N, C-alpha and C. Protein backbone atom coordinates (compact mmCIF):
# COMPACT_ATOMS: atom_id res chain seq x y z
N MET A 1 -48.93 19.95 28.20
CA MET A 1 -49.06 21.39 28.26
C MET A 1 -49.61 21.87 26.91
N PRO A 2 -50.80 22.40 26.88
CA PRO A 2 -51.42 22.83 25.62
C PRO A 2 -50.76 24.11 25.10
N PHE A 3 -50.89 24.29 23.79
CA PHE A 3 -50.34 25.48 23.14
C PHE A 3 -51.14 26.71 23.54
N GLU A 4 -50.40 27.76 23.91
CA GLU A 4 -51.05 29.03 24.24
C GLU A 4 -50.49 30.10 23.31
N PRO A 5 -51.34 30.74 22.50
CA PRO A 5 -50.87 31.78 21.59
C PRO A 5 -50.20 32.92 22.36
N GLY A 6 -49.05 33.39 21.81
CA GLY A 6 -48.37 34.52 22.41
C GLY A 6 -47.43 34.15 23.55
N LYS A 7 -47.33 32.87 23.88
CA LYS A 7 -46.45 32.45 24.97
C LYS A 7 -45.36 31.54 24.39
N SER A 8 -44.12 31.85 24.75
CA SER A 8 -42.99 31.08 24.24
C SER A 8 -42.98 29.69 24.84
N GLY A 9 -42.61 28.71 24.02
CA GLY A 9 -42.48 27.35 24.51
C GLY A 9 -41.17 27.13 25.24
N ASN A 10 -40.27 28.10 25.12
CA ASN A 10 -38.98 28.01 25.79
C ASN A 10 -38.68 29.36 26.43
N PRO A 11 -39.34 29.69 27.54
CA PRO A 11 -39.20 31.02 28.12
C PRO A 11 -37.80 31.32 28.65
N GLY A 12 -37.07 30.32 29.04
CA GLY A 12 -35.71 30.56 29.56
C GLY A 12 -34.68 30.71 28.48
N GLY A 13 -35.04 30.41 27.24
CA GLY A 13 -34.09 30.48 26.14
C GLY A 13 -33.18 29.27 26.13
N ARG A 14 -32.25 29.29 25.19
CA ARG A 14 -31.31 28.19 25.05
C ARG A 14 -30.32 28.21 26.21
N LYS A 15 -30.03 27.05 26.73
CA LYS A 15 -29.08 26.95 27.83
C LYS A 15 -27.68 27.22 27.32
N ARG A 16 -26.95 28.03 28.03
CA ARG A 16 -25.56 28.32 27.67
C ARG A 16 -24.68 27.17 28.12
N SER A 17 -23.75 26.82 27.26
CA SER A 17 -22.84 25.74 27.64
C SER A 17 -21.81 26.25 28.61
N LEU A 18 -21.48 25.41 29.55
CA LEU A 18 -20.43 25.74 30.48
C LEU A 18 -19.13 25.21 29.91
N GLY A 19 -18.11 25.99 29.93
CA GLY A 19 -16.85 25.53 29.36
C GLY A 19 -15.99 26.71 28.98
N LEU A 20 -14.98 26.40 28.22
CA LEU A 20 -14.01 27.40 27.82
C LEU A 20 -14.55 28.23 26.65
N SER A 21 -14.14 29.48 26.62
CA SER A 21 -14.57 30.34 25.52
C SER A 21 -13.90 29.90 24.22
N ARG A 22 -14.44 30.35 23.13
CA ARG A 22 -13.88 30.00 21.82
C ARG A 22 -12.42 30.46 21.70
N ALA A 23 -12.11 31.65 22.20
CA ALA A 23 -10.75 32.17 22.12
C ALA A 23 -9.76 31.29 22.91
N VAL A 24 -10.18 30.86 24.09
CA VAL A 24 -9.31 30.01 24.91
C VAL A 24 -9.11 28.66 24.24
N ARG A 25 -10.20 28.08 23.72
CA ARG A 25 -10.09 26.79 23.03
C ARG A 25 -9.16 26.90 21.83
N ARG A 26 -9.29 27.98 21.09
CA ARG A 26 -8.42 28.17 19.91
C ARG A 26 -6.97 28.30 20.33
N ASN A 27 -6.71 29.11 21.34
CA ASN A 27 -5.34 29.32 21.81
C ASN A 27 -4.73 28.01 22.30
N GLU A 28 -5.46 27.27 23.11
CA GLU A 28 -4.95 26.01 23.64
C GLU A 28 -4.81 24.98 22.52
N GLY A 29 -5.72 25.00 21.58
CA GLY A 29 -5.63 24.09 20.44
C GLY A 29 -4.37 24.35 19.62
N LEU A 30 -4.05 25.62 19.40
CA LEU A 30 -2.84 25.96 18.65
C LEU A 30 -1.58 25.55 19.41
N LYS A 31 -1.59 25.73 20.73
CA LYS A 31 -0.44 25.31 21.54
C LYS A 31 -0.26 23.80 21.46
N THR A 32 -1.37 23.06 21.56
CA THR A 32 -1.31 21.61 21.50
C THR A 32 -0.83 21.15 20.13
N TRP A 33 -1.33 21.80 19.09
CA TRP A 33 -0.90 21.48 17.73
C TRP A 33 0.60 21.69 17.58
N ALA A 34 1.11 22.81 18.08
CA ALA A 34 2.54 23.08 18.00
C ALA A 34 3.34 22.03 18.76
N MET A 35 2.82 21.58 19.91
CA MET A 35 3.51 20.56 20.69
C MET A 35 3.54 19.23 19.94
N LEU A 36 2.43 18.85 19.30
CA LEU A 36 2.41 17.61 18.52
C LEU A 36 3.43 17.65 17.40
N LEU A 37 3.52 18.79 16.71
CA LEU A 37 4.49 18.92 15.63
C LEU A 37 5.92 18.87 16.16
N ALA A 38 6.16 19.46 17.32
CA ALA A 38 7.49 19.43 17.92
C ALA A 38 7.88 18.00 18.32
N ILE A 39 6.92 17.25 18.86
CA ILE A 39 7.19 15.86 19.21
C ILE A 39 7.49 15.06 17.95
N ARG A 40 6.66 15.27 16.93
CA ARG A 40 6.87 14.55 15.67
C ARG A 40 8.25 14.82 15.10
N ASP A 41 8.71 16.05 15.19
CA ASP A 41 9.99 16.45 14.62
C ASP A 41 11.16 16.26 15.57
N SER A 42 10.92 15.57 16.69
CA SER A 42 11.95 15.27 17.70
C SER A 42 12.57 16.52 18.31
N LYS A 43 11.82 17.59 18.39
CA LYS A 43 12.32 18.81 19.01
C LYS A 43 12.08 18.80 20.52
N VAL A 44 11.15 17.96 20.96
CA VAL A 44 10.86 17.85 22.40
C VAL A 44 11.71 16.71 22.93
N ARG A 45 12.49 17.00 23.92
CA ARG A 45 13.37 15.98 24.48
C ARG A 45 13.14 15.89 25.98
N GLU A 46 12.99 14.67 26.41
CA GLU A 46 12.83 14.41 27.84
C GLU A 46 14.21 14.38 28.47
N GLN A 47 14.35 14.93 29.64
CA GLN A 47 15.64 14.91 30.32
C GLN A 47 15.63 13.88 31.44
N ILE A 48 16.68 13.08 31.45
CA ILE A 48 16.84 12.06 32.49
C ILE A 48 18.13 12.36 33.24
N ILE A 49 18.06 12.29 34.55
CA ILE A 49 19.24 12.54 35.38
C ILE A 49 19.77 11.20 35.87
N ASP A 50 21.06 10.97 35.62
CA ASP A 50 21.71 9.75 36.10
C ASP A 50 21.83 9.84 37.62
N GLN A 51 21.29 8.85 38.33
CA GLN A 51 21.27 8.87 39.80
C GLN A 51 22.67 8.82 40.40
N LYS A 52 23.59 8.13 39.74
CA LYS A 52 24.94 7.97 40.30
C LYS A 52 25.82 9.18 40.02
N THR A 53 25.83 9.64 38.78
CA THR A 53 26.75 10.71 38.40
C THR A 53 26.11 12.09 38.44
N GLY A 54 24.79 12.15 38.36
CA GLY A 54 24.10 13.43 38.35
C GLY A 54 24.09 14.09 36.99
N GLU A 55 24.60 13.40 35.97
CA GLU A 55 24.61 13.95 34.62
C GLU A 55 23.19 13.96 34.04
N VAL A 56 22.94 14.96 33.20
CA VAL A 56 21.63 15.10 32.57
C VAL A 56 21.75 14.65 31.12
N TYR A 57 20.84 13.76 30.71
CA TYR A 57 20.81 13.26 29.34
C TYR A 57 19.50 13.64 28.68
N ASP A 58 19.59 14.04 27.40
CA ASP A 58 18.39 14.29 26.61
C ASP A 58 17.97 12.99 25.94
N VAL A 59 16.68 12.71 25.99
CA VAL A 59 16.14 11.51 25.36
C VAL A 59 15.10 11.96 24.34
N VAL A 60 15.28 11.53 23.09
CA VAL A 60 14.31 11.90 22.05
C VAL A 60 13.11 10.98 22.15
N PRO A 61 11.97 11.40 21.62
CA PRO A 61 10.78 10.54 21.64
C PRO A 61 11.05 9.23 20.90
N SER A 62 10.46 8.17 21.38
CA SER A 62 10.62 6.86 20.73
C SER A 62 9.84 6.84 19.42
N VAL A 63 10.13 5.86 18.61
CA VAL A 63 9.41 5.69 17.35
C VAL A 63 7.93 5.46 17.63
N LYS A 64 7.62 4.73 18.68
CA LYS A 64 6.22 4.47 19.02
C LYS A 64 5.50 5.78 19.35
N GLU A 65 6.16 6.64 20.13
CA GLU A 65 5.55 7.93 20.48
C GLU A 65 5.36 8.80 19.24
N GLN A 66 6.37 8.81 18.38
CA GLN A 66 6.27 9.61 17.16
C GLN A 66 5.16 9.08 16.25
N ARG A 67 5.01 7.75 16.18
CA ARG A 67 3.96 7.15 15.36
C ARG A 67 2.58 7.55 15.88
N GLU A 68 2.41 7.50 17.20
CA GLU A 68 1.12 7.87 17.79
C GLU A 68 0.79 9.34 17.53
N VAL A 69 1.80 10.20 17.62
CA VAL A 69 1.60 11.63 17.35
C VAL A 69 1.20 11.83 15.90
N CYS A 70 1.89 11.14 14.99
CA CYS A 70 1.56 11.27 13.57
C CYS A 70 0.14 10.77 13.30
N LYS A 71 -0.28 9.70 13.97
CA LYS A 71 -1.65 9.21 13.81
C LYS A 71 -2.66 10.26 14.29
N MET A 72 -2.36 10.94 15.38
CA MET A 72 -3.26 11.99 15.87
C MET A 72 -3.34 13.14 14.87
N ILE A 73 -2.19 13.55 14.35
CA ILE A 73 -2.16 14.66 13.40
C ILE A 73 -2.98 14.29 12.16
N LEU A 74 -2.76 13.09 11.63
CA LEU A 74 -3.50 12.66 10.45
C LEU A 74 -4.99 12.54 10.73
N ALA A 75 -5.34 12.05 11.92
CA ALA A 75 -6.76 11.91 12.27
C ALA A 75 -7.45 13.26 12.30
N TYR A 76 -6.77 14.28 12.82
CA TYR A 76 -7.39 15.60 12.88
C TYR A 76 -7.35 16.32 11.53
N CYS A 77 -6.34 16.05 10.71
CA CYS A 77 -6.25 16.72 9.41
C CYS A 77 -7.09 16.02 8.35
N TRP A 78 -7.04 14.70 8.30
CA TRP A 78 -7.65 13.95 7.22
C TRP A 78 -8.86 13.14 7.67
N GLY A 79 -9.02 12.94 8.96
CA GLY A 79 -10.11 12.11 9.46
C GLY A 79 -9.69 10.65 9.52
N THR A 80 -10.30 9.92 10.40
CA THR A 80 -10.00 8.50 10.51
C THR A 80 -10.90 7.73 9.54
N PRO A 81 -10.53 6.50 9.19
CA PRO A 81 -11.35 5.74 8.25
C PRO A 81 -12.80 5.60 8.70
N ALA A 82 -13.06 5.55 10.00
CA ALA A 82 -14.44 5.42 10.49
C ALA A 82 -15.23 6.71 10.29
N GLN A 83 -14.54 7.85 10.20
CA GLN A 83 -15.22 9.12 10.08
C GLN A 83 -15.57 9.46 8.63
N VAL A 84 -14.85 8.93 7.68
CA VAL A 84 -15.09 9.25 6.29
C VAL A 84 -15.52 8.00 5.55
N GLY A 85 -16.29 8.19 4.49
CA GLY A 85 -16.72 7.07 3.68
C GLY A 85 -15.55 6.50 2.88
N GLN A 86 -15.69 5.28 2.38
CA GLN A 86 -14.61 4.62 1.65
C GLN A 86 -14.20 5.41 0.42
N ASP A 87 -15.17 5.92 -0.35
CA ASP A 87 -14.85 6.69 -1.56
C ASP A 87 -14.09 7.97 -1.20
N GLU A 88 -14.57 8.65 -0.17
CA GLU A 88 -13.91 9.88 0.25
C GLU A 88 -12.50 9.58 0.79
N LEU A 89 -12.34 8.48 1.50
CA LEU A 89 -11.04 8.10 2.03
C LEU A 89 -10.06 7.82 0.89
N GLU A 90 -10.52 7.09 -0.13
CA GLU A 90 -9.66 6.81 -1.28
C GLU A 90 -9.26 8.09 -2.00
N GLN A 91 -10.19 9.02 -2.10
CA GLN A 91 -9.88 10.31 -2.74
C GLN A 91 -8.84 11.07 -1.91
N ARG A 92 -8.98 11.08 -0.61
CA ARG A 92 -8.03 11.77 0.25
C ARG A 92 -6.65 11.12 0.18
N ILE A 93 -6.61 9.79 0.12
CA ILE A 93 -5.32 9.10 0.00
C ILE A 93 -4.65 9.47 -1.31
N ALA A 94 -5.43 9.53 -2.39
CA ALA A 94 -4.88 9.91 -3.70
C ALA A 94 -4.34 11.33 -3.65
N GLU A 95 -5.06 12.24 -3.01
CA GLU A 95 -4.59 13.62 -2.88
C GLU A 95 -3.28 13.67 -2.09
N LEU A 96 -3.22 12.92 -1.00
CA LEU A 96 -2.01 12.91 -0.18
C LEU A 96 -0.84 12.34 -0.96
N GLU A 97 -1.07 11.28 -1.74
CA GLU A 97 0.00 10.70 -2.56
C GLU A 97 0.50 11.69 -3.59
N GLN A 98 -0.41 12.49 -4.18
CA GLN A 98 0.01 13.51 -5.14
C GLN A 98 0.86 14.59 -4.48
N ILE A 99 0.47 15.00 -3.28
CA ILE A 99 1.24 16.02 -2.56
C ILE A 99 2.63 15.51 -2.23
N VAL A 100 2.70 14.28 -1.76
CA VAL A 100 4.00 13.68 -1.41
C VAL A 100 4.87 13.56 -2.66
N ALA A 101 4.27 13.13 -3.77
CA ALA A 101 5.02 12.98 -5.02
C ALA A 101 5.56 14.31 -5.50
N ARG A 102 4.76 15.38 -5.39
CA ARG A 102 5.23 16.71 -5.81
C ARG A 102 6.39 17.19 -4.95
N ARG A 103 6.34 16.91 -3.66
CA ARG A 103 7.41 17.35 -2.77
C ARG A 103 8.70 16.57 -2.96
N GLN A 104 8.61 15.36 -3.48
CA GLN A 104 9.80 14.54 -3.67
C GLN A 104 10.53 14.90 -4.95
N ARG A 105 9.90 15.66 -5.84
CA ARG A 105 10.54 16.04 -7.12
C ARG A 105 11.63 17.02 -6.90
């Protein structure tokens, strides 16, 4: 298709993405973030009903579940090693160690 002066090369304009609005994504993201923190802090408890007695028991998240949640939180806050360069990763680790050291004082 040859160039024609005065005619747009993209007459339909940019295609709009189909999906959730920014406000909905933000709201759902904040809810998910709050849920991850609640799981990490053992505030979310699964309820199990004893089949024989009918008693309800609260079960806290396992260490494995809490570890996975913490890995997700760190990946979104600090990035995974594959996402950041080695120098930047070492700098971030040093920053995190300083923050932890200050909080332990």
